[in-house]
Amino acid sequence: MIDHQLVECYALPDQGRFLVGRQYMREYIIDGIKMIDEDGTEIFFDEIKWLWYFR
């Protein structure tokens, strides 16, 4: 089962290009979370670090 969910960026991560207040699709992968940034680049976060930037 693939888990996709829309989440909101509330702080700017140090990787990728995201906009505060904008929603992004989150996808759980093995050992982390994959996001697609504003440039269409796949960005990978570990679960704890991801929580610093998205809700």
PDB file of N, CA and C in Angstrom:
ATOM      1  N   MET A   1       0.834  -1.191   0.000  1.00  0.00           N
ATOM      2  CA  MET A   1       0.000   0.000   0.000  1.00  0.00           C
ATOM      3  C   MET A   1       0.870   1.244   0.000  1.00  0.00           C
ATOM      4  N   ILE A   2       0.598   2.165  -0.890  1.00  0.00           N
ATOM      5  CA  ILE A   2       1.337   3.421  -0.968  1.00  0.00           C
ATOM      6  C   ILE A   2       0.550   4.473  -0.204  1.00  0.00           C
ATOM      7  N   ASP A   3       1.236   5.203   0.667  1.00  0.00           N
ATOM      8  CA  ASP A   3       0.583   6.219   1.482  1.00  0.00           C
ATOM      9  C   ASP A   3       0.925   7.597   0.933  1.00  0.00           C
ATOM     10  N   HIS A   4      -0.030   8.247   0.290  1.00  0.00           N
ATOM     11  CA  HIS A   4       0.128   9.623  -0.185  1.00  0.00           C
ATOM     12  C   HIS A   4      -0.801  10.514   0.614  1.00  0.00           C
ATOM     13  N   GLN A   5      -0.320  11.690   0.957  1.00  0.00           N
ATOM     14  CA  GLN A   5      -1.142  12.624   1.708  1.00  0.00           C
ATOM     15  C   GLN A   5      -0.659  14.036   1.422  1.00  0.00           C
ATOM     16  N   LEU A   6      -1.602  14.978   1.279  1.00  0.00           N
ATOM     17  CA  LEU A   6      -1.230  16.379   1.142  1.00  0.00           C
ATOM     18  C   LEU A   6      -0.854  16.936   2.503  1.00  0.00           C
ATOM     19  N   VAL A   7       0.272  17.631   2.560  1.00  0.00           N
ATOM     20  CA  VAL A   7       0.738  18.240   3.804  1.00  0.00           C
ATOM     21  C   VAL A   7       1.154  19.675   3.510  1.00  0.00           C
ATOM     22  N   GLU A   8       1.159  20.504   4.537  1.00  0.00           N
ATOM     23  CA  GLU A   8       1.503  21.918   4.382  1.00  0.00           C
ATOM     24  C   GLU A   8       2.913  22.186   4.897  1.00  0.00           C
ATOM     25  N   CYS A   9       3.656  22.985   4.155  1.00  0.00           N
ATOM     26  CA  CYS A   9       4.988  23.422   4.583  1.00  0.00           C
ATOM     27  C   CYS A   9       4.807  24.602   5.547  1.00  0.00           C
ATOM     28  N   TYR A  10       5.393  24.517   6.740  1.00  0.00           N
ATOM     29  CA  TYR A  10       5.288  25.639   7.680  1.00  0.00           C
ATOM     30  C   TYR A  10       6.646  26.227   8.051  1.00  0.00           C
ATOM     31  N   ALA A  11       7.732  25.615   7.593  1.00  0.00           N
ATOM     32  CA  ALA A  11       9.085  26.146   7.782  1.00  0.00           C
ATOM     33  C   ALA A  11       9.918  25.678   6.593  1.00  0.00           C
ATOM     34  N   LEU A  12      10.901  26.473   6.180  1.00  0.00           N
ATOM     35  CA  LEU A  12      11.680  26.142   4.996  1.00  0.00           C
ATOM     36  C   LEU A  12      12.811  25.166   5.317  1.00  0.00           C
ATOM     37  N   PRO A  13      12.797  23.996   4.679  1.00  0.00           N
ATOM     38  CA  PRO A  13      13.885  23.045   4.871  1.00  0.00           C
ATOM     39  C   PRO A  13      15.162  23.548   4.208  1.00  0.00           C
ATOM     40  N   ASP A  14      16.299  22.980   4.610  1.00  0.00           N
ATOM     41  CA  ASP A  14      17.582  23.381   4.029  1.00  0.00           C
ATOM     42  C   ASP A  14      17.874  22.673   2.710  1.00  0.00           C
ATOM     43  N   GLN A  15      16.977  21.819   2.265  1.00  0.00           N
ATOM     44  CA  GLN A  15      17.138  21.154   0.969  1.00  0.00           C
ATOM     45  C   GLN A  15      15.867  21.302   0.158  1.00  0.00           C
ATOM     46  N   GLY A  16      16.019  21.385  -1.147  1.00  0.00           N
ATOM     47  CA  GLY A  16      14.868  21.555  -2.018  1.00  0.00           C
ATOM     48  C   GLY A  16      14.360  22.987  -2.001  1.00  0.00           C
ATOM     49  N   ARG A  17      13.316  23.229  -2.783  1.00  0.00           N
ATOM     50  CA  ARG A  17      12.702  24.562  -2.838  1.00  0.00           C
ATOM     51  C   ARG A  17      11.212  24.396  -2.559  1.00  0.00           C
ATOM     52  N   PHE A  18      10.821  24.807  -1.350  1.00  0.00           N
ATOM     53  CA  PHE A  18       9.443  24.722  -0.901  1.00  0.00           C
ATOM     54  C   PHE A  18       8.980  26.118  -0.513  1.00  0.00           C
ATOM     55  N   LEU A  19       7.673  26.333  -0.491  1.00  0.00           N
ATOM     56  CA  LEU A  19       7.106  27.619  -0.106  1.00  0.00           C
ATOM     57  C   LEU A  19       6.242  27.439   1.133  1.00  0.00           C
ATOM     58  N   VAL A  20       6.452  28.281   2.128  1.00  0.00           N
ATOM     59  CA  VAL A  20       5.658  28.224   3.355  1.00  0.00           C
ATOM     60  C   VAL A  20       4.198  28.482   3.016  1.00  0.00           C
ATOM     61  N   GLY A  21       3.307  27.664   3.571  1.00  0.00           N
ATOM     62  CA  GLY A  21       1.875  27.797   3.346  1.00  0.00           C
ATOM     63  C   GLY A  21       1.356  26.989   2.167  1.00  0.00           C
ATOM     64  N   ARG A  22       2.243  26.474   1.351  1.00  0.00           N
ATOM     65  CA  ARG A  22       1.837  25.679   0.177  1.00  0.00           C
ATOM     66  C   ARG A  22       1.723  24.203   0.554  1.00  0.00           C
ATOM     67  N   GLN A  23       0.835  23.499  -0.117  1.00  0.00           N
ATOM     68  CA  GLN A  23       0.657  22.070   0.151  1.00  0.00           C
ATOM     69  C   GLN A  23       1.460  21.239  -0.841  1.00  0.00           C
ATOM     70  N   TYR A  24       1.979  20.126  -0.335  1.00  0.00           N
ATOM     71  CA  TYR A  24       2.790  19.200  -1.130  1.00  0.00           C
ATOM     72  C   TYR A  24       2.339  17.779  -0.841  1.00  0.00           C
ATOM     73  N   MET A  25       2.554  16.896  -1.813  1.00  0.00           N
ATOM     74  CA  MET A  25       2.211  15.491  -1.654  1.00  0.00           C
ATOM     75  C   MET A  25       3.370  14.777  -0.947  1.00  0.00           C
ATOM     76  N   ARG A  26       3.017  14.083   0.113  1.00  0.00           N
ATOM     77  CA  ARG A  26       3.990  13.290   0.870  1.00  0.00           C
ATOM     78  C   ARG A  26       3.815  11.830   0.474  1.00  0.00           C
ATOM     79  N   GLU A  27       4.926  11.116   0.348  1.00  0.00           N
ATOM     80  CA  GLU A  27       4.882   9.679   0.084  1.00  0.00           C
ATOM     81  C   GLU A  27       5.854   8.977   1.030  1.00  0.00           C
ATOM     82  N   TYR A  28       5.327   8.037   1.829  1.00  0.00           N
ATOM     83  CA  TYR A  28       6.196   7.236   2.687  1.00  0.00           C
ATOM     84  C   TYR A  28       6.990   6.271   1.830  1.00  0.00           C
ATOM     85  N   ILE A  29       8.283   6.168   2.101  1.00  0.00           N
ATOM     86  CA  ILE A  29       9.151   5.188   1.458  1.00  0.00           C
ATOM     87  C   ILE A  29       9.926   4.478   2.558  1.00  0.00           C
ATOM     88  N   ILE A  30      10.681   3.475   2.205  1.00  0.00           N
ATOM     89  CA  ILE A  30      11.488   2.780   3.206  1.00  0.00           C
ATOM     90  C   ILE A  30      12.469   3.773   3.817  1.00  0.00           C
ATOM     91  N   ASP A  31      12.485   3.868   5.123  1.00  0.00           N
ATOM     92  CA  ASP A  31      13.400   4.732   5.884  1.00  0.00           C
ATOM     93  C   ASP A  31      13.183   6.221   5.673  1.00  0.00           C
ATOM     94  N   GLY A  32      11.994   6.664   5.280  1.00  0.00           N
ATOM     95  CA  GLY A  32      11.809   8.095   5.165  1.00  0.00           C
ATOM     96  C   GLY A  32      10.565   8.513   4.427  1.00  0.00           C
ATOM     97  N   ILE A  33      10.612   9.761   3.960  1.00  0.00           N
ATOM     98  CA  ILE A  33       9.477  10.382   3.274  1.00  0.00           C
ATOM     99  C   ILE A  33      10.009  11.088   2.031  1.00  0.00           C
ATOM    100  N   LYS A  34       9.303  10.895   0.924  1.00  0.00           N
ATOM    101  CA  LYS A  34       9.678  11.541  -0.334  1.00  0.00           C
ATOM    102  C   LYS A  34       8.705  12.673  -0.610  1.00  0.00           C
ATOM    103  N   MET A  35       9.254  13.817  -0.997  1.00  0.00           N
ATOM    104  CA  MET A  35       8.463  14.984  -1.367  1.00  0.00           C
ATOM    105  C   MET A  35       8.942  15.457  -2.739  1.00  0.00           C
ATOM    106  N   ILE A  36       8.068  16.112  -3.483  1.00  0.00           N
ATOM    107  CA  ILE A  36       8.424  16.752  -4.745  1.00  0.00           C
ATOM    108  C   ILE A  36       8.387  18.258  -4.498  1.00  0.00           C
ATOM    109  N   ASP A  37       9.523  18.924  -4.744  1.00  0.00           N
ATOM    110  CA  ASP A  37       9.581  20.363  -4.456  1.00  0.00           C
ATOM    111  C   ASP A  37       9.045  21.188  -5.626  1.00  0.00           C
ATOM    112  N   GLU A  38       9.160  22.506  -5.526  1.00  0.00           N
ATOM    113  CA  GLU A  38       8.640  23.436  -6.537  1.00  0.00           C
ATOM    114  C   GLU A  38       9.285  23.241  -7.908  1.00  0.00           C
ATOM    115  N   ASP A  39      10.500  22.721  -7.944  1.00  0.00           N
ATOM    116  CA  ASP A  39      11.208  22.504  -9.201  1.00  0.00           C
ATOM    117  C   ASP A  39      10.958  21.109  -9.773  1.00  0.00           C
ATOM    118  N   GLY A  40      10.138  20.295  -9.082  1.00  0.00           N
ATOM    119  CA  GLY A  40       9.860  18.945  -9.537  1.00  0.00           C
ATOM    120  C   GLY A  40      10.920  17.929  -9.129  1.00  0.00           C
ATOM    121  N   THR A  41      11.808  18.323  -8.235  1.00  0.00           N
ATOM    122  CA  THR A  41      12.878  17.455  -7.760  1.00  0.00           C
ATOM    123  C   THR A  41      12.393  16.607  -6.592  1.00  0.00           C
ATOM    124  N   GLU A  42      12.737  15.323  -6.596  1.00  0.00           N
ATOM    125  CA  GLU A  42      12.411  14.445  -5.465  1.00  0.00           C
ATOM    126  C   GLU A  42      13.365  14.748  -4.317  1.00  0.00           C
ATOM    127  N   ILE A  43      12.810  15.069  -3.166  1.00  0.00           N
ATOM    128  CA  ILE A  43      13.595  15.366  -1.965  1.00  0.00           C
ATOM    129  C   ILE A  43      13.230  14.311  -0.928  1.00  0.00           C
ATOM    130  N   PHE A  44      14.246  13.760  -0.267  1.00  0.00           N
ATOM    131  CA  PHE A  44      14.035  12.706   0.717  1.00  0.00           C
ATOM    132  C   PHE A  44      14.384  13.210   2.113  1.00  0.00           C
ATOM    133  N   PHE A  45      13.495  12.950   3.070  1.00  0.00           N
ATOM    134  CA  PHE A  45      13.685  13.334   4.465  1.00  0.00           C
ATOM    135  C   PHE A  45      13.564  12.095   5.337  1.00  0.00           C
ATOM    136  N   ASP A  46      14.325  12.069   6.447  1.00  0.00           N
ATOM    137  CA  ASP A  46      14.002  11.052   7.444  1.00  0.00           C
ATOM    138  C   ASP A  46      12.765  11.561   8.183  1.00  0.00           C
ATOM    139  N   GLU A  47      12.050  10.668   8.836  1.00  0.00           N
ATOM    140  CA  GLU A  47      10.752  11.022   9.403  1.00  0.00           C
ATOM    141  C   GLU A  47      10.828  12.136  10.439  1.00  0.00           C
ATOM    142  N   ILE A  48      11.831  12.118  11.293  1.00  0.00           N
ATOM    143  CA  ILE A  48      11.954  13.147  12.336  1.00  0.00           C
ATOM    144  C   ILE A  48      12.240  14.515  11.719  1.00  0.00           C
ATOM    145  N   LYS A  49      13.188  14.586  10.795  1.00  0.00           N
ATOM    146  CA  LYS A  49      13.521  15.873  10.181  1.00  0.00           C
ATOM    147  C   LYS A  49      12.334  16.426   9.388  1.00  0.00           C
ATOM    148  N   TRP A  50      11.592  15.541   8.733  1.00  0.00           N
ATOM    149  CA  TRP A  50      10.425  15.958   7.965  1.00  0.00           C
ATOM    150  C   TRP A  50       9.425  16.707   8.850  1.00  0.00           C
ATOM    151  N   LEU A  51       9.252  16.253  10.068  1.00  0.00           N
ATOM    152  CA  LEU A  51       8.300  16.872  11.003  1.00  0.00           C
ATOM    153  C   LEU A  51       8.670  18.315  11.358  1.00  0.00           C
ATOM    154  N   TRP A  52       9.930  18.692  11.181  1.00  0.00           N
ATOM    155  CA  TRP A  52      10.360  20.065  11.465  1.00  0.00           C
ATOM    156  C   TRP A  52       9.769  21.054  10.462  1.00  0.00           C
ATOM    157  N   TYR A  53       9.367  20.558   9.263  1.00  0.00           N
ATOM    158  CA  TYR A  53       9.012  21.453   8.164  1.00  0.00           C
ATOM    159  C   TYR A  53       7.581  21.311   7.645  1.00  0.00           C
ATOM    160  N   PHE A  54       6.946  20.161   7.877  1.00  0.00           N
ATOM    161  CA  PHE A  54       5.632  19.897   7.282  1.00  0.00           C
ATOM    162  C   PHE A  54       4.640  19.408   8.328  1.00  0.00           C
ATOM    163  N   ARG A  55       3.357  19.700   8.082  1.00  0.00           N
ATOM    164  CA  ARG A  55       2.294  19.204   8.962  1.00  0.00           C
ATOM    165  C   ARG A  55       1.090  18.801   8.130  1.00  0.00           C
TER     166      ARG A  55
END
